[in-house]
Structures are given as structure tokens and as C-alpha cells.
Amino acid sequence: MAKGTPLLEWCIVRLGEDHNWWVGETSDPVHWDVDGLSIIDPRQVDYIIELIEPLREYGFDANLFERAFIPFRINKDLGKGRVRLARTKQPLLESEEKLFALPDVIDEENGPYADFLDHITRLRVKLLNDLLDFEEKLTIDEVEDQLREAQNNDFIEGKAVHLFQEITAILDFMPAGHGDDEDETQKRSAEDEEDDLPEVEEGEEAKLKGDASLKWDDDEEEGDAKPEKEDKDSEDDDGDDAEEKPSRGKRSRS
């Protein structure tokens, strides 16, 4: 169906447990299957536009972006995490109003949303080949294969893939051995260093035990220990020694 058709005028969306918005009802149930249909919220729209910015110097087509999404504005809060949205003609890239964006997935293979995904994939590959020093140029097929594998894994695990995640997976894509993988390696290295910290502390503790300036505590404890032994021998005869026991108890708790 062409985007200009007037059949889709409103939709009701709900906030899922994953904090993403999902379509629950539309004005055109004939052409729009709401089962697993996701919609991009204003915050996510802003984030996508931010990620797109570096692609402009590689030939980003704003018209492809606008055709790929149907913009909606908030019409009414229905309560319990449900909102009614009304279709608007405002362009997403120029609107000052916070808009939702419904990807036009009527034709998932050859529709405007599919064209948009192909477009940003090509531009992302160009950007990576320009910025990173590969032994062999990164190809579109390689990127699509890796993205498809990740999607298949999510499907096997029964995860519902939100279209926002599908878009950002392309715009944030980094091949193995670069970017996020290196950050993860550094993170694991930092965690390993943290695991070694207790051993260092034990070594420091051993040094502190050998510090002569701290031996007064040991001497005091030894001095207190002798009267304690004498107290046991003469518990009935010496009342003064018995009064020292509570004060030793306080030191041991401090």
C-alpha cells in the first residue's frame, strides 16, 4: 500500500515491559497486522537522527528517511500505559513537535522501510571502510550476514525484536575486533585487576602487622592477658581484677 493512502489515520500504542512502545490497534486492521508491530517513540527518533548525522557526508538521503516512516503525534492518553496517536504530515527531520514514527512495513521486502535499511547499511559500510584500516574492505554482504545471525539468535531465544533495535544495530554496527569488542576486552581486563585487589590488600595488611608503631596494641593485649590468668586463679580473692573484664570487652569490639 502506498504511504499516501488515508486508511491509516490513528493507532493505539502500549508501553511494553521492555520500555518500548508496541502497536495494539490501528484504524486499518486490513493492511496492518499489529502482532509484534513496534513503533519508535520520540526519544528513539531523536537518537536515530543523531546516529544518522555522520552519514550525511557519505550521501545520506533525507527523503528516503521520511518515506520510511509514518509520523504520529499524541492525541490522547488512555491510561494504563496506553496512548492514542493521530497521524500527522509533519516531517520527522524538521518537526519541533515530539513525534512517534511507525516504520512502513506493509511490504517488508521492497517497501520504503526496506529501502531505508539498505541505504543506511551501504552508508555505514562506506564510513567504516573510510575510518578503519581493514586488511580487506568490509562488504555489505558481510555486515548483513552478521546482523541476520544476531536476529536469528534472538528469534531462537523467543525475543521480540523492536524495529528501533533493528535500525540501531545497523547504525552502531562495528565488525569483530573493533569498537565494542575492544571495550569489552578492556572491561574484562579491568575486572581481572579488581579481582587481584584483595591479594594486594592482604600484602599490605602483612606489612602493617610488622609495623613497630602498631605493636602497642599487641603489647596491651598481652598485658591484659596476664591479669586475666591471675583473675582465674584468684577470682574469689581479688575483686579489682574482676572489674577490668568489661573494659577489655569494649576494646575488642572497637
C-alpha atoms as a PDB file:
ATOM      1  CA  MET A   1       0.000   0.000   0.000  1.00  0.00           C
ATOM      2  CA  ALA A   2       1.237   3.488  -0.790  1.00  0.00           C
ATOM      3  CA  LYS A   3       2.082   5.693   2.150  1.00  0.00           C
ATOM      4  CA  GLY A   4      -0.270   8.405   0.938  1.00  0.00           C
ATOM      5  CA  THR A   5      -3.416   6.309   1.447  1.00  0.00           C
ATOM      6  CA  PRO A   6      -5.760   7.795   4.082  1.00  0.00           C
ATOM      7  CA  LEU A   7      -6.730   4.452   5.650  1.00  0.00           C
ATOM      8  CA  LEU A   8      -4.199   4.569   8.485  1.00  0.00           C
ATOM      9  CA  GLU A   9      -5.254   7.658  10.427  1.00  0.00           C
ATOM     10  CA  TRP A  10      -4.721   6.613  14.032  1.00  0.00           C
ATOM     11  CA  CYS A  11      -3.324   3.852  16.186  1.00  0.00           C
ATOM     12  CA  ILE A  12      -3.335   2.892  19.844  1.00  0.00           C
ATOM     13  CA  VAL A  13       0.007   2.011  21.331  1.00  0.00           C
ATOM     14  CA  ARG A  14       1.044   0.494  24.635  1.00  0.00           C
ATOM     15  CA  LEU A  15       4.215   0.663  26.666  1.00  0.00           C
ATOM     16  CA  GLY A  16       5.743  -2.798  26.982  1.00  0.00           C
ATOM     17  CA  GLU A  17       7.678  -4.284  29.874  1.00  0.00           C
ATOM     18  CA  ASP A  18      10.832  -3.691  27.810  1.00  0.00           C
ATOM     19  CA  HIS A  19      10.070   0.073  27.932  1.00  0.00           C
ATOM     20  CA  ASN A  20       9.408   0.117  24.186  1.00  0.00           C
ATOM     21  CA  TRP A  21       6.124   1.058  22.527  1.00  0.00           C
ATOM     22  CA  TRP A  22       4.069  -1.532  20.635  1.00  0.00           C
ATOM     23  CA  VAL A  23       1.022  -1.070  18.416  1.00  0.00           C
ATOM     24  CA  GLY A  24      -2.150  -2.625  19.799  1.00  0.00           C
ATOM     25  CA  GLU A  25      -4.793  -1.321  17.392  1.00  0.00           C
ATOM     26  CA  THR A  26      -4.982   0.665  14.131  1.00  0.00           C
ATOM     27  CA  SER A  27      -7.638   2.337  12.003  1.00  0.00           C
ATOM     28  CA  ASP A  28      -6.674  -0.018   9.164  1.00  0.00           C
ATOM     29  CA  PRO A  29      -6.652  -3.589  10.514  1.00  0.00           C
ATOM     30  CA  VAL A  30      -6.944  -4.989   6.989  1.00  0.00           C
ATOM     31  CA  HIS A  31      -3.448  -3.961   5.921  1.00  0.00           C
ATOM     32  CA  TRP A  32      -1.721  -3.632   9.293  1.00  0.00           C
ATOM     33  CA  ASP A  33      -1.129  -6.732  11.399  1.00  0.00           C
ATOM     34  CA  VAL A  34      -0.446  -5.479  14.931  1.00  0.00           C
ATOM     35  CA  ASP A  35       1.003  -8.789  16.132  1.00  0.00           C
ATOM     36  CA  GLY A  36       4.547  -7.824  17.133  1.00  0.00           C
ATOM     37  CA  LEU A  37       4.249  -4.435  15.403  1.00  0.00           C
ATOM     38  CA  SER A  38       6.507  -1.892  17.092  1.00  0.00           C
ATOM     39  CA  ILE A  39       6.596   1.887  16.844  1.00  0.00           C
ATOM     40  CA  ILE A  40       9.505   4.242  17.532  1.00  0.00           C
ATOM     41  CA  ASP A  41       8.935   6.805  20.261  1.00  0.00           C
ATOM     42  CA  PRO A  42      10.112  10.472  20.142  1.00  0.00           C
ATOM     43  CA  ARG A  43      13.203   9.801  22.251  1.00  0.00           C
ATOM     44  CA  GLN A  44      14.248   6.986  19.935  1.00  0.00           C
ATOM     45  CA  VAL A  45      13.561   9.135  16.861  1.00  0.00           C
ATOM     46  CA  ASP A  46      15.965  11.761  18.202  1.00  0.00           C
ATOM     47  CA  TYR A  47      18.597   9.109  18.850  1.00  0.00           C
ATOM     48  CA  ILE A  48      18.307   7.705  15.320  1.00  0.00           C
ATOM     49  CA  ILE A  49      18.635  11.198  13.845  1.00  0.00           C
ATOM     50  CA  GLU A  50      21.770  11.694  15.942  1.00  0.00           C
ATOM     51  CA  LEU A  51      23.298   8.432  14.661  1.00  0.00           C
ATOM     52  CA  ILE A  52      22.449   9.377  11.087  1.00  0.00           C
ATOM     53  CA  GLU A  53      24.377  12.662  11.256  1.00  0.00           C
ATOM     54  CA  PRO A  54      27.822  11.166  10.396  1.00  0.00           C
ATOM     55  CA  LEU A  55      26.291   9.518   7.301  1.00  0.00           C
ATOM     56  CA  ARG A  56      25.367  12.827   5.687  1.00  0.00           C
ATOM     57  CA  GLU A  57      28.840  13.295   4.217  1.00  0.00           C
ATOM     58  CA  TYR A  58      28.536   9.830   2.637  1.00  0.00           C
ATOM     59  CA  GLY A  59      25.345  10.671   0.741  1.00  0.00           C
ATOM     60  CA  PHE A  60      22.520  10.220   3.243  1.00  0.00           C
ATOM     61  CA  ASP A  61      19.134  10.716   1.554  1.00  0.00           C
ATOM     62  CA  ALA A  62      16.674  12.533   3.842  1.00  0.00           C
ATOM     63  CA  ASN A  63      13.779  11.746   1.528  1.00  0.00           C
ATOM     64  CA  LEU A  64      14.350   8.013   1.976  1.00  0.00           C
ATOM     65  CA  PHE A  65      14.199   8.533   5.725  1.00  0.00           C
ATOM     66  CA  GLU A  66      10.913  10.447   5.566  1.00  0.00           C
ATOM     67  CA  ARG A  67       9.291   7.895   3.258  1.00  0.00           C
ATOM     68  CA  ALA A  68      10.296   5.025   5.519  1.00  0.00           C
ATOM     69  CA  PHE A  69       8.204   6.223   8.474  1.00  0.00           C
ATOM     70  CA  ILE A  70       4.649   7.354   9.125  1.00  0.00           C
ATOM     71  CA  PRO A  71       4.701  10.168  11.730  1.00  0.00           C
ATOM     72  CA  PHE A  72       2.168  10.303  14.562  1.00  0.00           C
ATOM     73  CA  ARG A  73       1.521  12.813  17.310  1.00  0.00           C
ATOM     74  CA  ILE A  74      -0.033  12.111  20.703  1.00  0.00           C
ATOM     75  CA  ASN A  75      -3.810  12.520  20.574  1.00  0.00           C
ATOM     76  CA  LYS A  76      -4.984  11.201  23.923  1.00  0.00           C
ATOM     77  CA  ASP A  77      -3.617   9.435  26.973  1.00  0.00           C
ATOM     78  CA  LEU A  78      -5.845   6.426  27.556  1.00  0.00           C
ATOM     79  CA  GLY A  79      -4.225   5.470  30.853  1.00  0.00           C
ATOM     80  CA  LYS A  80      -2.565   2.247  31.990  1.00  0.00           C
ATOM     81  CA  GLY A  81       0.346   2.748  29.587  1.00  0.00           C
ATOM     82  CA  ARG A  82      -1.869   3.171  26.513  1.00  0.00           C
ATOM     83  CA  VAL A  83      -1.879   6.205  24.205  1.00  0.00           C
ATOM     84  CA  ARG A  84      -3.934   7.078  21.139  1.00  0.00           C
ATOM     85  CA  LEU A  85      -1.847   8.540  18.315  1.00  0.00           C
ATOM     86  CA  ALA A  86      -3.085  10.576  15.360  1.00  0.00           C
ATOM     87  CA  ARG A  87      -1.325  10.689  12.025  1.00  0.00           C
ATOM     88  CA  THR A  88       0.377  13.951  11.073  1.00  0.00           C
ATOM     89  CA  LYS A  89       2.011  15.321   7.922  1.00  0.00           C
ATOM     90  CA  GLN A  90       4.916  16.938   9.756  1.00  0.00           C
ATOM     91  CA  PRO A  91       8.354  15.696   8.577  1.00  0.00           C
ATOM     92  CA  LEU A  92      10.309  13.895  11.277  1.00  0.00           C
ATOM     93  CA  LEU A  93      13.607  15.613  10.486  1.00  0.00           C
ATOM     94  CA  GLU A  94      12.179  19.127  10.667  1.00  0.00           C
ATOM     95  CA  SER A  95       9.384  18.932  13.224  1.00  0.00           C
ATOM     96  CA  GLU A  96       9.825  20.629  16.590  1.00  0.00           C
ATOM     97  CA  GLU A  97       6.997  18.527  17.999  1.00  0.00           C
ATOM     98  CA  LYS A  98       7.827  15.222  19.620  1.00  0.00           C
ATOM     99  CA  LEU A  99       6.552  12.609  17.177  1.00  0.00           C
ATOM    100  CA  PHE A 100       6.248   8.841  17.080  1.00  0.00           C
ATOM    101  CA  ALA A 101       7.423   7.088  13.908  1.00  0.00           C
ATOM    102  CA  LEU A 102       5.792   3.941  12.560  1.00  0.00           C
ATOM    103  CA  PRO A 103       8.048   2.141  10.055  1.00  0.00           C
ATOM    104  CA  ASP A 104       6.174   1.453   6.827  1.00  0.00           C
ATOM    105  CA  VAL A 105       6.493  -2.333   6.825  1.00  0.00           C
ATOM    106  CA  ILE A 106       3.489  -3.155   4.647  1.00  0.00           C
ATOM    107  CA  ASP A 107       5.968  -4.522   2.102  1.00  0.00           C
ATOM    108  CA  GLU A 108       8.815  -5.832   4.232  1.00  0.00           C
ATOM    109  CA  GLU A 109      10.992  -6.823   1.262  1.00  0.00           C
ATOM    110  CA  ASN A 110      10.625  -3.946  -1.204  1.00  0.00           C
ATOM    111  CA  GLY A 111       8.830  -1.197   0.702  1.00  0.00           C
ATOM    112  CA  PRO A 112      10.197   2.219   1.766  1.00  0.00           C
ATOM    113  CA  TYR A 113      11.365   0.940   5.152  1.00  0.00           C
ATOM    114  CA  ALA A 114      13.332  -1.869   3.497  1.00  0.00           C
ATOM    115  CA  ASP A 115      14.884   0.699   1.137  1.00  0.00           C
ATOM    116  CA  PHE A 116      15.874   2.816   4.131  1.00  0.00           C
ATOM    117  CA  LEU A 117      17.602  -0.129   5.828  1.00  0.00           C
ATOM    118  CA  ASP A 118      19.526  -0.926   2.639  1.00  0.00           C
ATOM    119  CA  HIS A 119      20.512   2.728   2.317  1.00  0.00           C
ATOM    120  CA  ILE A 120      21.932   3.152   5.832  1.00  0.00           C
ATOM    121  CA  THR A 121      23.681  -0.235   5.596  1.00  0.00           C
ATOM    122  CA  ARG A 122      25.564   0.879   2.467  1.00  0.00           C
ATOM    123  CA  LEU A 123      26.490   4.190   4.085  1.00  0.00           C
ATOM    124  CA  ARG A 124      27.630   2.526   7.306  1.00  0.00           C
ATOM    125  CA  VAL A 125      29.916   0.229   5.301  1.00  0.00           C
ATOM    126  CA  LYS A 126      31.377   3.246   3.487  1.00  0.00           C
ATOM    127  CA  LEU A 127      32.007   5.028   6.764  1.00  0.00           C
ATOM    128  CA  LEU A 128      33.704   2.013   8.379  1.00  0.00           C
ATOM    129  CA  ASN A 129      35.931   1.380   5.363  1.00  0.00           C
ATOM    130  CA  ASP A 130      36.918   5.026   5.470  1.00  0.00           C
ATOM    131  CA  LEU A 131      37.660   5.159   9.201  1.00  0.00           C
ATOM    132  CA  LEU A 132      39.115   1.718   9.923  1.00  0.00           C
ATOM    133  CA  ASP A 133      42.167   0.007   8.457  1.00  0.00           C
ATOM    134  CA  PHE A 134      40.906  -3.380   7.251  1.00  0.00           C
ATOM    135  CA  GLU A 135      43.121  -5.949   5.558  1.00  0.00           C
ATOM    136  CA  GLU A 136      40.254  -6.365   3.107  1.00  0.00           C
ATOM    137  CA  LYS A 137      37.414  -3.937   2.510  1.00  0.00           C
ATOM    138  CA  LEU A 138      34.277  -4.610   4.527  1.00  0.00           C
ATOM    139  CA  THR A 139      31.372  -5.624   2.300  1.00  0.00           C
ATOM    140  CA  ILE A 140      27.635  -5.120   2.605  1.00  0.00           C
ATOM    141  CA  ASP A 141      27.083  -8.878   2.480  1.00  0.00           C
ATOM    142  CA  GLU A 142      29.363  -9.409   5.471  1.00  0.00           C
ATOM    143  CA  VAL A 143      27.503  -6.820   7.513  1.00  0.00           C
ATOM    144  CA  GLU A 144      24.089  -8.192   6.560  1.00  0.00           C
ATOM    145  CA  ASP A 145      25.181 -11.751   7.397  1.00  0.00           C
ATOM    146  CA  GLN A 146      26.319 -10.724  10.880  1.00  0.00           C
ATOM    147  CA  LEU A 147      23.147  -8.733  11.513  1.00  0.00           C
ATOM    148  CA  ARG A 148      20.979 -11.588  10.259  1.00  0.00           C
ATOM    149  CA  GLU A 149      22.770 -14.050  12.521  1.00  0.00           C
ATOM    150  CA  ALA A 150      22.081 -11.852  15.552  1.00  0.00           C
ATOM    151  CA  GLN A 151      18.412 -11.588  14.568  1.00  0.00           C
ATOM    152  CA  ASN A 152      18.155 -15.346  14.157  1.00  0.00           C
ATOM    153  CA  ASN A 153      19.624 -15.864  17.616  1.00  0.00           C
ATOM    154  CA  ASP A 154      17.019 -13.521  19.089  1.00  0.00           C
ATOM    155  CA  PHE A 155      14.293 -15.396  17.237  1.00  0.00           C
ATOM    156  CA  ILE A 156      15.530 -18.744  18.550  1.00  0.00           C
ATOM    157  CA  GLU A 157      15.540 -17.341  22.077  1.00  0.00           C
ATOM    158  CA  GLY A 158      11.998 -16.070  21.601  1.00  0.00           C
ATOM    159  CA  LYS A 159      12.900 -12.392  21.868  1.00  0.00           C
ATOM    160  CA  ALA A 160      10.645  -9.826  20.215  1.00  0.00           C
ATOM    161  CA  VAL A 161      12.896  -7.551  18.160  1.00  0.00           C
ATOM    162  CA  HIS A 162      11.786  -3.929  18.240  1.00  0.00           C
ATOM    163  CA  LEU A 163      12.355  -2.045  14.967  1.00  0.00           C
ATOM    164  CA  PHE A 164      14.344   0.588  16.838  1.00  0.00           C
ATOM    165  CA  GLN A 165      16.853  -2.128  17.715  1.00  0.00           C
ATOM    166  CA  GLU A 166      16.952  -3.254  14.081  1.00  0.00           C
ATOM    167  CA  ILE A 167      17.849   0.277  12.952  1.00  0.00           C
ATOM    168  CA  THR A 168      20.438   0.998  15.639  1.00  0.00           C
ATOM    169  CA  ALA A 169      22.069  -2.390  15.061  1.00  0.00           C
ATOM    170  CA  ILE A 170      22.991  -1.059  11.604  1.00  0.00           C
ATOM    171  CA  LEU A 171      23.899   2.479  12.642  1.00  0.00           C
ATOM    172  CA  ASP A 172      26.035   1.215  15.556  1.00  0.00           C
ATOM    173  CA  PHE A 173      27.491  -1.757  13.691  1.00  0.00           C
ATOM    174  CA  MET A 174      31.156  -2.472  14.352  1.00  0.00           C
ATOM    175  CA  PRO A 175      32.924  -5.575  12.978  1.00  0.00           C
ATOM    176  CA  ALA A 176      34.525  -8.083  15.301  1.00  0.00           C
ATOM    177  CA  GLY A 177      37.827  -6.923  16.730  1.00  0.00           C
ATOM    178  CA  HIS A 178      36.898  -3.261  16.702  1.00  0.00           C
ATOM    179  CA  GLY A 179      34.918  -0.841  18.814  1.00  0.00           C
ATOM    180  CA  ASP A 180      32.663  -2.594  21.306  1.00  0.00           C
ATOM    181  CA  ASP A 181      34.747  -5.773  21.269  1.00  0.00           C
ATOM    182  CA  GLU A 182      37.827  -3.803  22.318  1.00  0.00           C
ATOM    183  CA  ASP A 183      35.812  -2.017  25.000  1.00  0.00           C
ATOM    184  CA  GLU A 184      34.609  -5.366  26.280  1.00  0.00           C
ATOM    185  CA  THR A 185      38.198  -6.636  26.384  1.00  0.00           C
ATOM    186  CA  GLN A 186      39.256  -3.586  28.386  1.00  0.00           C
ATOM    187  CA  LYS A 187      36.298  -4.107  30.699  1.00  0.00           C
ATOM    188  CA  ARG A 188      37.280  -7.731  31.318  1.00  0.00           C
ATOM    189  CA  SER A 189      40.870  -6.622  31.948  1.00  0.00           C
ATOM    190  CA  ALA A 190      39.676  -4.079  34.497  1.00  0.00           C
ATOM    191  CA  GLU A 191      37.564  -6.751  36.194  1.00  0.00           C
ATOM    192  CA  ASP A 192      40.610  -9.040  36.377  1.00  0.00           C
ATOM    193  CA  GLU A 193      42.572  -6.247  38.038  1.00  0.00           C
ATOM    194  CA  GLU A 194      39.775  -5.780  40.557  1.00  0.00           C
ATOM    195  CA  ASP A 195      39.897  -9.497  41.329  1.00  0.00           C
ATOM    196  CA  ASP A 196      43.598  -9.064  42.209  1.00  0.00           C
ATOM    197  CA  LEU A 197      42.928  -6.236  44.670  1.00  0.00           C
ATOM    198  CA  PRO A 198      42.219  -8.487  47.694  1.00  0.00           C
ATOM    199  CA  GLU A 199      45.664 -10.083  47.300  1.00  0.00           C
ATOM    200  CA  VAL A 200      47.302  -6.650  47.347  1.00  0.00           C
ATOM    201  CA  GLU A 201      45.325  -5.736  50.450  1.00  0.00           C
ATOM    202  CA  GLU A 202      46.470  -8.897  52.196  1.00  0.00           C
ATOM    203  CA  GLY A 203      50.070  -7.971  51.405  1.00  0.00           C
ATOM    204  CA  GLU A 204      49.582  -4.516  52.788  1.00  0.00           C
ATOM    205  CA  GLU A 205      47.964  -5.996  55.881  1.00  0.00           C
ATOM    206  CA  ALA A 206      51.036  -8.164  56.428  1.00  0.00           C
ATOM    207  CA  LYS A 207      53.250  -5.075  56.228  1.00  0.00           C
ATOM    208  CA  LEU A 208      51.062  -3.269  58.738  1.00  0.00           C
ATOM    209  CA  LYS A 209      51.308  -6.159  61.139  1.00  0.00           C
ATOM    210  CA  GLY A 210      55.093  -5.810  61.041  1.00  0.00           C
ATOM    211  CA  ASP A 211      54.964  -2.070  61.715  1.00  0.00           C
ATOM    212  CA  ALA A 212      56.546  -1.367  65.093  1.00  0.00           C
ATOM    213  CA  SER A 213      54.295   1.631  65.612  1.00  0.00           C
ATOM    214  CA  LEU A 214      51.308  -0.700  65.802  1.00  0.00           C
ATOM    215  CA  LYS A 215      52.764  -3.154  68.329  1.00  0.00           C
ATOM    216  CA  TRP A 216      51.343  -1.202  71.257  1.00  0.00           C
ATOM    217  CA  ASP A 217      48.004  -2.890  70.693  1.00  0.00           C
ATOM    218  CA  ASP A 218      49.586  -6.357  70.846  1.00  0.00           C
ATOM    219  CA  ASP A 219      51.545  -5.389  73.950  1.00  0.00           C
ATOM    220  CA  GLU A 220      48.382  -4.107  75.589  1.00  0.00           C
ATOM    221  CA  GLU A 221      46.555  -7.297  74.793  1.00  0.00           C
ATOM    222  CA  GLU A 222      49.446  -9.343  76.208  1.00  0.00           C
ATOM    223  CA  GLY A 223      49.455  -7.177  79.302  1.00  0.00           C
ATOM    224  CA  ASP A 224      45.741  -7.627  79.712  1.00  0.00           C
ATOM    225  CA  ALA A 225      46.036 -11.361  79.225  1.00  0.00           C
ATOM    226  CA  LYS A 226      48.254 -11.843  82.314  1.00  0.00           C
ATOM    227  CA  PRO A 227      45.814 -10.309  84.801  1.00  0.00           C
ATOM    228  CA  GLU A 228      43.109 -12.380  83.190  1.00  0.00           C
ATOM    229  CA  LYS A 229      45.028 -15.525  84.020  1.00  0.00           C
ATOM    230  CA  GLU A 230      45.606 -14.296  87.523  1.00  0.00           C
ATOM    231  CA  ASP A 231      41.920 -13.489  87.802  1.00  0.00           C
ATOM    232  CA  LYS A 232      41.103 -17.091  87.110  1.00  0.00           C
ATOM    233  CA  ASP A 233      43.480 -18.203  89.865  1.00  0.00           C
ATOM    234  CA  SER A 234      42.290 -15.691  92.438  1.00  0.00           C
ATOM    235  CA  GLU A 235      38.764 -14.903  91.226  1.00  0.00           C
ATOM    236  CA  ASP A 236      37.289 -15.111  94.713  1.00  0.00           C
ATOM    237  CA  ASP A 237      40.093 -13.105  96.395  1.00  0.00           C
ATOM    238  CA  ASP A 238      40.704 -10.100  94.122  1.00  0.00           C
ATOM    239  CA  GLY A 239      37.618  -8.003  93.248  1.00  0.00           C
ATOM    240  CA  ASP A 240      39.616  -5.251  91.484  1.00  0.00           C
ATOM    241  CA  ASP A 241      40.833  -7.600  88.755  1.00  0.00           C
ATOM    242  CA  ALA A 242      37.260  -8.717  88.071  1.00  0.00           C
ATOM    243  CA  GLU A 243      36.257  -5.137  87.311  1.00  0.00           C
ATOM    244  CA  GLU A 244      38.782  -5.000  84.425  1.00  0.00           C
ATOM    245  CA  LYS A 245      36.943  -7.591  82.309  1.00  0.00           C
ATOM    246  CA  PRO A 246      34.200  -5.309  80.900  1.00  0.00           C
ATOM    247  CA  SER A 247      36.753  -2.718  79.746  1.00  0.00           C
ATOM    248  CA  ARG A 248      38.654  -5.362  77.760  1.00  0.00           C
ATOM    249  CA  GLY A 249      35.431  -6.404  76.140  1.00  0.00           C
ATOM    250  CA  LYS A 250      34.882  -2.828  74.876  1.00  0.00           C
ATOM    251  CA  ARG A 251      38.321  -2.641  73.293  1.00  0.00           C
ATOM    252  CA  SER A 252      37.800  -5.889  71.445  1.00  0.00           C
ATOM    253  CA  ARG A 253      34.573  -4.549  69.861  1.00  0.00           C
ATOM    254  CA  SER A 254      36.014  -1.170  68.845  1.00  0.00           C
END
